[in-house]
């Protein structure tokens, strides 16, 4: 490789780095975590050219980046992924309702226990000869 070739390659790498800094390109792991799309699905999407991807040098070697906005849009269009998200939201809502119901029941039990203690304390003075 000649010196001029290396300089040209370096210019291209700098332009790519500048573009990546100003965009929403993320690693496959981050895209998966933020959108709920499996890494396998992301690989299928970029291999099938359904979403763009870029290979860049990472701390442990080359890593693939994908545009987060496009992944999120495609995930919203997927009925299976949408159902999974709705199910997770449904489970979270059910959990919140159950937590609320348990708190209500704990308050009622505490009130009943206070009432029973008051009855026991009040009747102890009336058991005289």
C-alpha atoms as a PDB file:
ATOM      1  CA  UNK A   1       0.000   0.000   0.000  1.00  0.00           C
ATOM      2  CA  UNK A   2       1.396   3.370  -0.963  1.00  0.00           C
ATOM      3  CA  UNK A   3       1.455   6.418   1.223  1.00  0.00           C
ATOM      4  CA  UNK A   4      -1.265   8.104  -0.889  1.00  0.00           C
ATOM      5  CA  UNK A   5      -3.506   5.020  -0.640  1.00  0.00           C
ATOM      6  CA  UNK A   6      -3.130   5.009   3.127  1.00  0.00           C
ATOM      7  CA  UNK A   7      -3.969   8.744   3.314  1.00  0.00           C
ATOM      8  CA  UNK A   8      -7.070   8.208   1.157  1.00  0.00           C
ATOM      9  CA  UNK A   9      -8.166   5.323   3.388  1.00  0.00           C
ATOM     10  CA  UNK A  10      -7.602   7.442   6.472  1.00  0.00           C
ATOM     11  CA  UNK A  11      -9.755  10.264   4.997  1.00  0.00           C
ATOM     12  CA  UNK A  12     -12.561   7.811   4.315  1.00  0.00           C
ATOM     13  CA  UNK A  13     -12.326   6.428   7.871  1.00  0.00           C
ATOM     14  CA  UNK A  14     -12.427   9.954   9.331  1.00  0.00           C
ATOM     15  CA  UNK A  15     -15.515  10.846   7.278  1.00  0.00           C
ATOM     16  CA  UNK A  16     -17.233   7.643   8.384  1.00  0.00           C
ATOM     17  CA  UNK A  17     -16.373   8.312  12.022  1.00  0.00           C
ATOM     18  CA  UNK A  18     -17.756  11.861  11.740  1.00  0.00           C
ATOM     19  CA  UNK A  19     -20.974  10.537  10.189  1.00  0.00           C
ATOM     20  CA  UNK A  20     -21.351   7.925  12.920  1.00  0.00           C
ATOM     21  CA  UNK A  21     -20.878  10.505  15.681  1.00  0.00           C
ATOM     22  CA  UNK A  22     -23.773  12.557  14.314  1.00  0.00           C
ATOM     23  CA  UNK A  23     -26.153   9.638  13.817  1.00  0.00           C
ATOM     24  CA  UNK A  24     -28.114   7.071  15.762  1.00  0.00           C
ATOM     25  CA  UNK A  25     -26.027   4.069  14.684  1.00  0.00           C
ATOM     26  CA  UNK A  26     -25.669   1.600  17.544  1.00  0.00           C
ATOM     27  CA  UNK A  27     -24.229  -1.865  18.102  1.00  0.00           C
ATOM     28  CA  UNK A  28     -26.426  -4.920  17.587  1.00  0.00           C
ATOM     29  CA  UNK A  29     -26.496  -5.481  21.349  1.00  0.00           C
ATOM     30  CA  UNK A  30     -27.692  -1.941  22.059  1.00  0.00           C
ATOM     31  CA  UNK A  31     -30.295  -2.113  19.280  1.00  0.00           C
ATOM     32  CA  UNK A  32     -31.529  -5.410  20.697  1.00  0.00           C
ATOM     33  CA  UNK A  33     -31.696  -4.069  24.246  1.00  0.00           C
ATOM     34  CA  UNK A  34     -33.468  -0.840  23.303  1.00  0.00           C
ATOM     35  CA  UNK A  35     -36.011  -2.307  20.861  1.00  0.00           C
ATOM     36  CA  UNK A  36     -36.536  -5.886  22.043  1.00  0.00           C
ATOM     37  CA  UNK A  37     -35.512  -7.297  18.658  1.00  0.00           C
ATOM     38  CA  UNK A  38     -33.244 -10.331  18.930  1.00  0.00           C
ATOM     39  CA  UNK A  39     -29.726 -10.113  17.592  1.00  0.00           C
ATOM     40  CA  UNK A  40     -30.539 -13.021  15.270  1.00  0.00           C
ATOM     41  CA  UNK A  41     -33.428 -11.030  13.774  1.00  0.00           C
ATOM     42  CA  UNK A  42     -31.173  -8.004  13.349  1.00  0.00           C
ATOM     43  CA  UNK A  43     -28.646 -10.157  11.503  1.00  0.00           C
ATOM     44  CA  UNK A  44     -31.394 -11.499   9.246  1.00  0.00           C
ATOM     45  CA  UNK A  45     -32.585  -7.962   8.539  1.00  0.00           C
ATOM     46  CA  UNK A  46     -29.189  -6.544   7.565  1.00  0.00           C
ATOM     47  CA  UNK A  47     -28.167  -9.657   5.616  1.00  0.00           C
ATOM     48  CA  UNK A  48     -31.447  -9.431   3.705  1.00  0.00           C
ATOM     49  CA  UNK A  49     -30.765  -5.721   3.138  1.00  0.00           C
ATOM     50  CA  UNK A  50     -33.939  -4.785   5.013  1.00  0.00           C
ATOM     51  CA  UNK A  51     -31.879  -2.362   7.129  1.00  0.00           C
ATOM     52  CA  UNK A  52     -28.429  -0.904   6.448  1.00  0.00           C
ATOM     53  CA  UNK A  53     -25.432  -1.852   8.558  1.00  0.00           C
ATOM     54  CA  UNK A  54     -21.813  -0.853   8.927  1.00  0.00           C
ATOM     55  CA  UNK A  55     -18.794  -2.736  10.170  1.00  0.00           C
ATOM     56  CA  UNK A  56     -16.454  -0.612  12.304  1.00  0.00           C
ATOM     57  CA  UNK A  57     -13.498  -1.262  14.558  1.00  0.00           C
ATOM     58  CA  UNK A  58     -14.560  -1.742  18.148  1.00  0.00           C
ATOM     59  CA  UNK A  59     -12.658  -2.297  21.380  1.00  0.00           C
ATOM     60  CA  UNK A  60     -12.596  -6.079  20.799  1.00  0.00           C
ATOM     61  CA  UNK A  61     -12.328  -6.108  17.015  1.00  0.00           C
ATOM     62  CA  UNK A  62     -14.833  -5.383  14.256  1.00  0.00           C
ATOM     63  CA  UNK A  63     -18.413  -4.760  15.297  1.00  0.00           C
ATOM     64  CA  UNK A  64     -21.605  -4.242  13.346  1.00  0.00           C
ATOM     65  CA  UNK A  65     -23.656  -1.060  13.709  1.00  0.00           C
ATOM     66  CA  UNK A  66     -27.272  -0.541  12.654  1.00  0.00           C
ATOM     67  CA  UNK A  67     -29.440   2.620  12.633  1.00  0.00           C
ATOM     68  CA  UNK A  68     -31.577   2.533  15.777  1.00  0.00           C
ATOM     69  CA  UNK A  69     -34.457   4.530  14.265  1.00  0.00           C
ATOM     70  CA  UNK A  70     -34.817   2.086  11.362  1.00  0.00           C
ATOM     71  CA  UNK A  71     -34.683  -0.914  13.704  1.00  0.00           C
ATOM     72  CA  UNK A  72     -37.382   0.626  15.916  1.00  0.00           C
ATOM     73  CA  UNK A  73     -39.594   1.400  12.920  1.00  0.00           C
ATOM     74  CA  UNK A  74     -39.222  -2.116  11.533  1.00  0.00           C
ATOM     75  CA  UNK A  75     -39.901  -3.613  14.974  1.00  0.00           C
ATOM     76  CA  UNK A  76     -43.148  -1.630  15.248  1.00  0.00           C
ATOM     77  CA  UNK A  77     -44.230  -3.000  11.876  1.00  0.00           C
ATOM     78  CA  UNK A  78     -43.694  -6.593  13.020  1.00  0.00           C
ATOM     79  CA  UNK A  79     -46.929  -8.080  14.447  1.00  0.00           C
ATOM     80  CA  UNK A  80     -45.002 -10.694  16.467  1.00  0.00           C
ATOM     81  CA  UNK A  81     -42.711  -8.109  18.068  1.00  0.00           C
ATOM     82  CA  UNK A  82     -45.662  -5.798  18.704  1.00  0.00           C
ATOM     83  CA  UNK A  83     -47.588  -8.621  20.444  1.00  0.00           C
ATOM     84  CA  UNK A  84     -44.535  -9.401  22.575  1.00  0.00           C
ATOM     85  CA  UNK A  85     -44.246  -5.761  23.634  1.00  0.00           C
ATOM     86  CA  UNK A  86     -47.971  -5.599  24.407  1.00  0.00           C
ATOM     87  CA  UNK A  87     -47.710  -8.811  26.424  1.00  0.00           C
ATOM     88  CA  UNK A  88     -44.793  -7.385  28.430  1.00  0.00           C
ATOM     89  CA  UNK A  89     -46.769  -4.182  29.026  1.00  0.00           C
ATOM     90  CA  UNK A  90     -49.813  -6.271  29.947  1.00  0.00           C
ATOM     91  CA  UNK A  91     -47.762  -8.258  32.445  1.00  0.00           C
ATOM     92  CA  UNK A  92     -46.363  -5.050  33.960  1.00  0.00           C
ATOM     93  CA  UNK A  93     -49.877  -3.620  34.285  1.00  0.00           C
ATOM     94  CA  UNK A  94     -51.122  -6.826  35.918  1.00  0.00           C
ATOM     95  CA  UNK A  95     -48.214  -6.739  38.343  1.00  0.00           C
ATOM     96  CA  UNK A  96     -48.966  -3.113  39.240  1.00  0.00           C
ATOM     97  CA  UNK A  97     -52.633  -3.981  39.859  1.00  0.00           C
ATOM     98  CA  UNK A  98     -51.692  -6.944  42.028  1.00  0.00           C
ATOM     99  CA  UNK A  99     -49.243  -4.835  44.041  1.00  0.00           C
ATOM    100  CA  UNK A 100     -51.989  -2.260  44.588  1.00  0.00           C
ATOM    101  CA  UNK A 101     -54.453  -4.958  45.651  1.00  0.00           C
ATOM    102  CA  UNK A 102     -51.943  -6.488  48.102  1.00  0.00           C
ATOM    103  CA  UNK A 103     -51.336  -3.033  49.619  1.00  0.00           C
ATOM    104  CA  UNK A 104     -55.118  -2.584  50.056  1.00  0.00           C
ATOM    105  CA  UNK A 105     -55.447  -6.008  51.688  1.00  0.00           C
ATOM    106  CA  UNK A 106     -52.517  -5.308  54.019  1.00  0.00           C
ATOM    107  CA  UNK A 107     -54.193  -2.071  55.109  1.00  0.00           C
ATOM    108  CA  UNK A 108     -57.479  -3.902  55.780  1.00  0.00           C
ATOM    109  CA  UNK A 109     -55.725  -6.632  57.792  1.00  0.00           C
ATOM    110  CA  UNK A 110     -53.889  -3.991  59.830  1.00  0.00           C
ATOM    111  CA  UNK A 111     -57.200  -2.210  60.529  1.00  0.00           C
ATOM    112  CA  UNK A 112     -58.827  -5.485  61.582  1.00  0.00           C
ATOM    113  CA  UNK A 113     -55.900  -6.295  63.862  1.00  0.00           C
ATOM    114  CA  UNK A 114     -56.124  -2.849  65.465  1.00  0.00           C
ATOM    115  CA  UNK A 115     -59.853  -3.375  65.985  1.00  0.00           C
ATOM    116  CA  UNK A 116     -59.267  -6.773  67.582  1.00  0.00           C
ATOM    117  CA  UNK A 117     -56.603  -5.320  69.896  1.00  0.00           C
ATOM    118  CA  UNK A 118     -58.952  -2.501  70.911  1.00  0.00           C
ATOM    119  CA  UNK A 119     -61.711  -4.990  71.692  1.00  0.00           C
ATOM    120  CA  UNK A 120     -59.372  -7.135  73.783  1.00  0.00           C
ATOM    121  CA  UNK A 121     -58.034  -4.108  75.675  1.00  0.00           C
ATOM    122  CA  UNK A 122     -61.520  -2.730  76.302  1.00  0.00           C
ATOM    123  CA  UNK A 123     -63.003  -6.004  77.528  1.00  0.00           C
ATOM    124  CA  UNK A 124     -60.156  -6.721  79.990  1.00  0.00           C
ATOM    125  CA  UNK A 125     -61.459  -4.055  82.372  1.00  0.00           C
ATOM    126  CA  UNK A 126     -65.034  -5.428  82.412  1.00  0.00           C
ATOM    127  CA  UNK A 127     -64.149  -8.941  83.651  1.00  0.00           C
ATOM    128  CA  UNK A 128     -64.368  -8.038  87.347  1.00  0.00           C
ATOM    129  CA  UNK A 129     -66.167  -9.818  90.264  1.00  0.00           C
END
